[in-house]
Amino acid sequence: MDGWLVMFAVNFIIVFLRSYQTQVVIGGGYLVAFLISNCMGAAIIINTMFIIDVGWGGLVPLSLGGSFGVISSMFIYRKRNKNKSRRKHD
């Protein structure tokens, strides 16, 4: 069970960072994009180690971690950049 929680957390971090990085790159944030890439590399290595250990049993925590990670990233990015001009999505 502890392994599942770690897999959830690590995949949450990976997807959060990927999503946030995409939004930062679109906004032209070079330094932040550079730093996020380094963090993503470390998180991917950790995640791969857990996947090798757990196998297919980690599918649910990985999926849920990614889902919550992307939604959280979008929310936080928009909250931090609400005063900047941006295209409105319907």
Protein backbone atom coordinates (compact mmCIF):
# COMPACT_ATOMS: atom_id res chain seq x y z
CA MET A 1 0.00 0.00 0.00
CA ASP A 2 2.85 2.41 0.76
CA GLY A 3 4.27 1.78 -2.71
CA TRP A 4 0.94 2.74 -4.27
CA LEU A 5 0.86 6.01 -2.36
CA VAL A 6 4.40 6.83 -3.46
CA MET A 7 3.55 5.94 -7.07
CA PHE A 8 0.47 8.16 -6.91
CA ALA A 9 2.52 11.04 -5.49
CA VAL A 10 5.41 10.70 -7.93
CA ASN A 11 3.13 10.45 -10.96
CA PHE A 12 1.12 13.40 -9.65
CA ILE A 13 4.36 15.39 -9.53
CA ILE A 14 5.46 14.29 -13.02
CA VAL A 15 2.17 15.15 -14.71
CA PHE A 16 1.82 18.36 -12.68
CA LEU A 17 5.27 19.48 -13.80
CA ARG A 18 4.70 18.49 -17.45
CA SER A 19 1.42 20.36 -17.58
CA TYR A 20 2.82 23.38 -15.78
CA GLN A 21 5.87 23.40 -18.03
CA THR A 22 3.67 23.40 -21.13
CA GLN A 23 1.80 26.41 -19.85
CA VAL A 24 5.04 28.18 -18.87
CA VAL A 25 6.62 27.54 -22.28
CA ILE A 26 3.57 28.99 -24.01
CA GLY A 27 3.91 32.02 -21.74
CA GLY A 28 7.64 32.37 -22.52
CA GLY A 29 9.10 31.48 -19.10
CA TYR A 30 12.57 30.22 -20.01
CA LEU A 31 14.10 29.87 -16.55
CA VAL A 32 11.07 28.19 -14.99
CA ALA A 33 10.83 25.77 -17.93
CA PHE A 34 14.51 24.92 -17.51
CA LEU A 35 14.15 24.24 -13.77
CA ILE A 36 10.98 22.19 -14.22
CA SER A 37 12.75 19.97 -16.77
CA ASN A 38 15.40 19.04 -14.21
CA CYS A 39 12.78 18.18 -11.59
CA MET A 40 10.85 16.11 -14.12
CA GLY A 41 13.93 14.07 -14.97
CA ALA A 42 14.47 13.09 -11.34
CA ALA A 43 10.78 12.26 -10.81
CA ILE A 44 10.68 10.09 -13.96
CA ILE A 45 13.64 8.03 -12.74
CA ILE A 46 11.96 7.47 -9.36
CA ASN A 47 8.67 6.58 -11.05
CA THR A 48 10.37 4.08 -13.37
CA MET A 49 11.98 2.34 -10.42
CA PHE A 50 8.57 1.89 -8.77
CA ILE A 51 6.94 0.67 -12.00
CA ILE A 52 9.61 -1.99 -12.39
CA ASP A 53 9.04 -3.11 -8.81
CA VAL A 54 5.22 -3.08 -8.77
CA GLY A 55 4.33 -3.88 -12.39
CA TRP A 56 0.75 -3.72 -13.63
CA GLY A 57 -0.52 -3.40 -10.07
CA GLY A 58 0.51 0.25 -10.17
CA LEU A 59 -1.86 1.17 -13.00
CA VAL A 60 -4.57 2.66 -10.75
CA PRO A 61 -2.33 4.90 -8.61
CA LEU A 62 -0.42 6.03 -11.69
CA SER A 63 -3.60 6.93 -13.54
CA LEU A 64 -5.15 8.75 -10.60
CA GLY A 65 -1.93 10.60 -9.81
CA GLY A 66 -1.74 11.85 -13.38
CA SER A 67 -5.38 12.90 -13.47
CA PHE A 68 -5.14 14.91 -10.27
CA GLY A 69 -1.75 16.29 -11.28
CA VAL A 70 -2.93 17.82 -14.55
CA ILE A 71 -6.06 19.37 -13.02
CA SER A 72 -4.04 20.81 -10.12
CA SER A 73 -1.46 22.25 -12.47
CA MET A 74 -4.08 23.99 -14.58
CA PHE A 75 -5.76 25.42 -11.49
CA ILE A 76 -2.55 26.71 -9.91
CA TYR A 77 -1.19 28.15 -13.16
CA ARG A 78 -4.40 30.06 -13.82
CA LYS A 79 -4.59 31.24 -10.22
CA ARG A 80 -1.01 32.59 -10.34
CA ASN A 81 -1.50 34.23 -13.73
CA LYS A 82 -5.06 35.50 -13.46
CA ASN A 83 -4.11 39.14 -13.95
CA LYS A 84 -2.09 38.52 -17.11
CA SER A 85 -3.85 38.64 -20.44
CA ARG A 86 -4.69 35.19 -21.74
CA ARG A 87 -7.02 33.64 -24.23
CA LYS A 88 -10.32 32.57 -22.71
CA HIS A 89 -11.35 28.96 -23.15
CA ASP A 90 -14.98 27.93 -23.41
